Protein backbone atom coordinates (compact mmCIF):
# COMPACT_ATOMS: atom_id res chain seq x y z
CA UNK A 1 12.29 6.62 -19.81
CA UNK A 2 11.71 5.45 -16.27
CA UNK A 3 9.44 2.80 -15.95
CA UNK A 4 8.36 0.84 -12.58
CA UNK A 5 9.55 -2.61 -13.40
CA UNK A 6 6.81 -5.45 -13.23
CA UNK A 7 7.79 -9.09 -12.02
CA UNK A 8 6.08 -12.39 -12.68
CA UNK A 9 5.52 -14.35 -9.10
CA UNK A 10 4.55 -17.50 -10.80
CA UNK A 11 7.55 -19.41 -9.97
CA UNK A 12 6.31 -19.23 -6.19
CA UNK A 13 3.03 -21.13 -7.03
CA UNK A 14 4.09 -23.41 -9.45
CA UNK A 15 4.78 -27.27 -8.25
CA UNK A 16 8.61 -28.27 -8.26
CA UNK A 17 11.68 -26.38 -7.07
CA UNK A 18 12.03 -23.68 -9.97
CA UNK A 19 14.60 -22.08 -7.51
CA UNK A 20 16.39 -20.22 -10.78
CA UNK A 21 13.05 -18.50 -11.65
CA UNK A 22 12.55 -17.76 -8.12
CA UNK A 23 16.02 -16.02 -8.21
CA UNK A 24 15.40 -14.15 -11.03
CA UNK A 25 12.13 -12.81 -9.61
CA UNK A 26 14.12 -11.83 -5.95
CA UNK A 27 16.72 -10.16 -8.05
CA UNK A 28 14.47 -8.16 -9.99
CA UNK A 29 12.39 -7.18 -6.99
CA UNK A 30 15.69 -6.36 -4.85
CA UNK A 31 16.90 -3.95 -7.83
CA UNK A 32 13.44 -2.35 -8.05
CA UNK A 33 13.28 -1.53 -4.37
CA UNK A 34 16.94 -0.27 -4.38
CA UNK A 35 16.18 2.15 -7.47
CA UNK A 36 12.49 3.16 -7.08
CA UNK A 37 11.11 1.48 -3.55
CA UNK A 38 8.24 0.28 -5.93
CA UNK A 39 7.38 -2.38 -8.49
CA UNK A 40 4.38 -4.35 -9.83
CA UNK A 41 3.67 -7.96 -9.63
CA UNK A 42 1.46 -10.45 -11.60
CA UNK A 43 0.60 -13.94 -11.46
CA UNK A 44 0.45 -13.23 -7.39
CA UNK A 45 -2.38 -15.16 -6.32
CA UNK A 46 -5.00 -12.94 -6.13
CA UNK A 47 -7.85 -13.98 -8.82
CA UNK A 48 -8.39 -11.26 -11.46
CA UNK A 49 -11.92 -11.42 -11.56
CA UNK A 50 -12.16 -10.94 -7.67
CA UNK A 51 -9.99 -7.65 -8.04
CA UNK A 52 -12.52 -6.64 -10.67
CA UNK A 53 -15.42 -7.38 -8.46
CA UNK A 54 -14.03 -5.41 -5.84
CA UNK A 55 -13.61 -2.37 -7.77
CA UNK A 56 -16.98 -2.83 -9.33
CA UNK A 57 -18.78 -2.96 -5.94
CA UNK A 58 -16.23 0.03 -4.57
CA UNK A 59 -17.73 2.22 -7.39
CA UNK A 60 -21.15 1.29 -6.66
CA UNK A 61 -20.97 1.99 -2.92
CA UNK A 62 -19.13 5.59 -3.83
CA UNK A 63 -22.04 6.41 -6.19
CA UNK A 64 -24.52 6.17 -3.37
CA UNK A 65 -25.93 9.69 -1.97
CA UNK A 66 -23.69 10.94 0.70
CA UNK A 67 -26.50 10.00 3.57
CA UNK A 68 -26.16 6.37 2.41
CA UNK A 69 -22.38 6.40 2.71
CA UNK A 70 -22.13 8.06 6.02
CA UNK A 71 -23.94 5.24 7.84
CA UNK A 72 -20.65 3.46 7.54
CA UNK A 73 -17.74 6.12 7.42
CA UNK A 74 -16.81 9.50 8.13
CA UNK A 75 -14.24 11.59 6.67
CA UNK A 76 -11.70 13.53 8.84
CA UNK A 77 -11.44 17.16 8.63
CA UNK A 78 -8.81 19.54 7.34
CA UNK A 79 -7.65 16.81 4.69
CA UNK A 80 -6.42 18.56 1.63
CA UNK A 81 -6.79 15.27 -0.37
CA UNK A 82 -9.74 15.20 -2.84
CA UNK A 83 -10.91 11.83 -2.25
CA UNK A 84 -13.23 9.62 0.08
CA UNK A 85 -12.41 6.27 1.47
CA UNK A 86 -14.08 3.36 3.41
CA UNK A 87 -11.51 1.58 5.93
CA UNK A 88 -11.73 -1.77 6.40
CA UNK A 89 -9.95 -4.02 9.10
CA UNK A 90 -9.02 -7.65 9.03
CA UNK A 91 -12.45 -9.84 8.76
CA UNK A 92 -12.27 -10.93 12.22
CA UNK A 93 -11.90 -7.65 13.66
CA UNK A 94 -15.01 -6.19 15.61
CA UNK A 95 -13.96 -2.46 14.38
CA UNK A 96 -15.46 -3.06 10.69
CA UNK A 97 -18.93 -1.46 9.94
CA UNK A 98 -19.81 -3.01 6.54
CA UNK A 99 -21.94 -1.07 3.87
CA UNK A 100 -25.25 -3.18 3.75
CA UNK A 101 -25.21 -2.14 -0.17
CA UNK A 102 -24.08 -3.52 -2.22
CA UNK A 103 -25.30 -6.56 -0.45
CA UNK A 104 -22.09 -8.45 -1.90
CA UNK A 105 -19.72 -6.16 -0.65
CA UNK A 106 -18.77 -8.00 2.86
CA UNK A 107 -17.93 -11.49 1.33
CA UNK A 108 -16.18 -9.97 -1.54
CA UNK A 109 -13.93 -7.83 1.00
CA UNK A 110 -13.51 -10.88 3.14
CA UNK A 111 -12.16 -13.00 0.29
CA UNK A 112 -9.58 -10.13 -1.05
CA UNK A 113 -8.56 -9.35 2.44
CA UNK A 114 -7.61 -12.85 2.68
CA UNK A 115 -5.79 -13.17 -0.62
CA UNK A 116 -4.07 -10.06 -0.06
CA UNK A 117 -2.59 -11.03 3.47
CA UNK A 118 -1.15 -14.39 1.80
CA UNK A 119 0.28 -12.07 -1.04
CA UNK A 120 1.88 -9.92 1.88
CA UNK A 121 3.38 -12.93 3.63
CA UNK A 122 5.08 -14.10 0.56
CA UNK A 123 6.54 -10.44 -0.71
CA UNK A 124 7.57 -10.32 2.93
CA UNK A 125 9.71 -13.52 2.43
CA UNK A 126 11.19 -12.32 -0.63
CA UNK A 127 12.16 -8.87 0.94
CA UNK A 128 13.61 -10.91 3.92
CA UNK A 129 15.90 -13.03 1.32
CA UNK A 130 16.59 -9.80 -0.75
CA UNK A 131 17.75 -7.94 2.37
CA UNK A 132 19.88 -11.06 3.51
CA UNK A 133 18.25 -11.25 6.66
CA UNK A 134 18.19 -14.37 8.71
CA UNK A 135 15.47 -16.89 7.69
CA UNK A 136 12.16 -15.91 8.55
CA UNK A 137 13.44 -12.63 10.56
CA UNK A 138 10.70 -10.30 9.22
CA UNK A 139 7.79 -13.14 9.68
CA UNK A 140 9.05 -13.58 13.47
CA UNK A 141 9.28 -9.51 14.03
CA UNK A 142 5.90 -8.83 12.32
CA UNK A 143 4.08 -11.37 13.11
CA UNK A 144 0.60 -10.02 14.16
CA UNK A 145 -1.66 -9.77 11.46
CA UNK A 146 -4.62 -8.04 13.32
CA UNK A 147 -3.11 -4.39 12.38
CA UNK A 148 -3.51 -4.64 8.70
CA UNK A 149 -6.14 -2.79 7.01
CA UNK A 150 -7.37 -2.00 3.82
CA UNK A 151 -8.93 1.13 2.22
CA UNK A 152 -11.32 1.16 -0.58
CA UNK A 153 -10.66 4.64 -2.34
CA UNK A 154 -12.74 6.98 -4.69
CA UNK A 155 -10.75 9.85 -6.25
CA UNK A 156 -13.02 13.14 -7.32
CA UNK A 157 -12.56 14.20 -10.57
CA UNK A 158 -9.74 16.83 -11.39
CA UNK A 159 -10.70 20.62 -11.86
CA UNK A 160 -9.21 23.09 -14.38
CA UNK A 161 -6.96 24.67 -11.63
CA UNK A 162 -6.23 21.68 -9.13
CA UNK A 163 -5.37 18.04 -9.69
CA UNK A 164 -4.36 16.66 -6.08
CA UNK A 165 -5.82 13.45 -5.23
CA UNK A 166 -3.34 12.23 -2.40
CA UNK A 167 -0.56 14.63 -1.62
CA UNK A 168 3.23 13.39 -1.70
CA UNK A 169 3.82 11.32 0.99
CA UNK A 170 5.73 8.14 2.35
CA UNK A 171 3.87 5.00 3.81
CA UNK A 172 4.70 4.08 7.63
CA UNK A 173 4.18 0.45 7.38
CA UNK A 174 6.03 -2.55 5.84
CA UNK A 175 4.28 -3.34 2.35
CA UNK A 176 1.40 -1.57 0.77
CA UNK A 177 -0.32 -3.20 -2.09
CA UNK A 178 -2.48 -1.15 -4.65
CA UNK A 179 -5.02 -2.23 -7.39
CA UNK A 180 -6.22 0.59 -9.48
CA UNK A 181 -8.83 1.24 -12.28
CA UNK A 182 -7.42 2.44 -15.67
CA UNK A 183 -7.61 5.89 -14.85
CA UNK A 184 -4.20 5.50 -12.90
CA UNK A 185 -2.75 8.59 -11.35
CA UNK A 186 -0.22 7.10 -9.01
CA UNK A 187 3.17 8.71 -9.40
CA UNK A 188 6.28 7.65 -7.73
CA UNK A 189 9.11 10.41 -7.13
CA UNK A 190 12.55 9.58 -8.02
CA UNK A 191 15.40 12.19 -8.24
CA UNK A 192 13.01 14.69 -8.31
CA UNK A 193 11.12 13.20 -11.05
CA UNK A 194 7.73 12.01 -11.07
CA UNK A 195 7.28 8.45 -12.72
CA UNK A 196 3.46 7.57 -13.34
CA UNK A 197 2.70 4.05 -12.26
CA UNK A 198 0.56 3.39 -15.22
CA UNK A 199 -2.16 0.18 -15.20
CA UNK A 200 -0.50 -1.98 -18.17
CA UNK A 201 -3.23 -4.61 -17.26
CA UNK A 202 -6.28 -4.90 -14.94
CA UNK A 203 -4.68 -7.72 -12.92
CA UNK A 204 -1.03 -5.83 -11.96
CA UNK A 205 -0.87 -5.22 -8.04
CA UNK A 206 1.52 -2.20 -7.38
CA UNK A 207 3.81 -2.77 -4.18
CA UNK A 208 5.57 0.00 -2.46
CA UNK A 209 7.79 -0.57 0.52
CA UNK A 210 7.08 1.59 3.55
CA UNK A 211 9.18 3.01 6.50
CA UNK A 212 10.20 -0.16 7.99
CA UNK A 213 12.40 -0.68 5.33
CA UNK A 214 12.71 2.38 3.61
CA UNK A 215 9.60 4.23 1.71
CA UNK A 216 9.66 6.30 -1.75
CA UNK A 217 7.69 9.45 -1.98
CA UNK A 218 4.27 8.97 -4.08
CA UNK A 219 1.25 10.59 -4.86
CA UNK A 220 -1.83 10.53 -6.53
CA UNK A 221 -2.99 12.94 -9.37
CA UNK A 222 -6.37 13.25 -10.79
CA UNK A 223 -7.83 13.45 -14.33
CA UNK A 224 -10.19 15.91 -15.54
CA UNK A 225 -13.54 14.42 -16.34
CA UNK A 226 -13.13 11.09 -14.68
CA UNK A 227 -13.13 9.47 -11.11
CA UNK A 228 -10.42 6.98 -10.10
CA UNK A 229 -11.09 3.75 -7.97
CA UNK A 230 -8.73 1.98 -6.22
CA UNK A 231 -7.96 -0.14 -3.18
CA UNK A 232 -4.65 -0.07 -0.82
CA UNK A 233 -3.86 -2.79 1.43
CA UNK A 234 -1.58 -1.93 4.49
CA UNK A 235 0.70 -5.08 5.50
CA UNK A 236 1.58 -3.42 8.80
CA UNK A 237 3.48 -3.59 12.16
CA UNK A 238 1.99 -3.92 15.46
CA UNK A 239 0.97 -0.31 16.21
CA UNK A 240 2.71 0.09 19.57
CA UNK A 241 6.19 -1.14 18.00
CA UNK A 242 9.15 0.84 17.81
CA UNK A 243 11.59 0.64 14.61
CA UNK A 244 15.26 0.47 14.96
CA UNK A 245 18.32 -0.43 12.76
CA UNK A 246 19.07 -4.24 13.11
CA UNK A 247 20.87 -5.13 16.40
CA UNK A 248 23.86 -6.53 14.03
CA UNK A 249 24.80 -3.05 12.83
CA UNK A 250 26.73 -1.20 15.71
CA UNK A 251 25.45 2.32 15.58
CA UNK A 252 25.58 5.03 18.14
CA UNK A 253 22.60 7.27 18.92
CA UNK A 254 20.26 5.24 17.29
CA UNK A 255 16.67 6.84 16.95
CA UNK A 256 13.43 4.92 17.51
CA UNK A 257 10.86 5.35 14.97
CA UNK A 258 7.29 4.62 16.64
CA UNK A 259 4.51 3.89 14.23
CA UNK A 260 2.60 7.19 14.67
CA UNK A 261 2.51 8.22 11.30
CA UNK A 262 -1.04 6.70 10.41
CA UNK A 263 -2.13 9.87 12.40
CA UNK A 264 -1.46 11.90 9.36
CA UNK A 265 -4.47 10.04 7.64
CA UNK A 266 -6.90 9.26 10.75
CA UNK A 267 -6.33 12.92 12.47
CA UNK A 268 -5.05 15.15 9.57
CA UNK A 269 -3.24 18.42 11.13
CA UNK A 270 -4.64 21.75 10.21
CA UNK A 271 -1.12 22.81 9.50
CA UNK A 272 1.18 21.38 6.90
CA UNK A 273 4.13 21.81 9.31
CA UNK A 274 2.47 19.45 11.89
CA UNK A 275 2.66 16.33 9.51
CA UNK A 276 4.75 13.78 11.01
CA UNK A 277 7.52 12.65 8.67
CA UNK A 278 10.85 10.55 8.97
CA UNK A 279 13.24 13.02 7.39
CA UNK A 280 16.09 10.59 6.92
CA UNK A 281 17.26 7.10 7.70
CA UNK A 282 21.16 7.49 7.13
CA UNK A 283 22.68 7.31 10.70
CA UNK A 284 26.18 8.63 11.30
CA UNK A 285 28.53 6.20 12.94
CA UNK A 286 31.01 8.56 14.47
């Protein structure tokens, strides 16, 4: 049975060197990224109580009547996904429109956004090491944190004839973090098989690498009779940057991938064939 690996990040938070334990964690992450493009982390620095509080407040918000929710968000037209979501930018952003109710939402959001940003920086540095890149290469290339954002999501219960929650897709960023309630539903595709990412414990954060490295196809399926609540944090590149193979690799005909794929979410096309994809990463050197 395929199981998405879980990695303990505590060596990166303990006093002292602990280089041996750090190396084991980095080796496990590198292997998981090669095999799945996904892994899970525990002891990641985000307080479990804060994660639970954020999920509770999200549930409270999405249980409000539509007229209350529509004061702070609009769902895009044409989407085939059966969810609703609240999009939130960094706390210092002028684009945020916070719900007035529940009243604690704003402060909890600001706190968890800050924690997840720090976790993103740590995971970015680990991936930099796993890829054998020069020290701080990803940090220097991806230094602008104003493009990060987070979504609070509510997936509606499945029907007897349809259970799509979030269609199969890949993420167009560098790293995505997800924490979800016990309903689960997240699945990763490997060799044509859909592998469920089951929340073994509430403090787990699911990590997947995005297109900037090479993302894995994933989806969310819904369960009959129950809603699903989750948060997704997107550790992003500056929006108008181009992505290309490293300059150390002598390739001919190198494509440039501009970060336009978030339009799939913000402005879903009416026709499936108009969805923006990156169809391949392998580039011929001949």
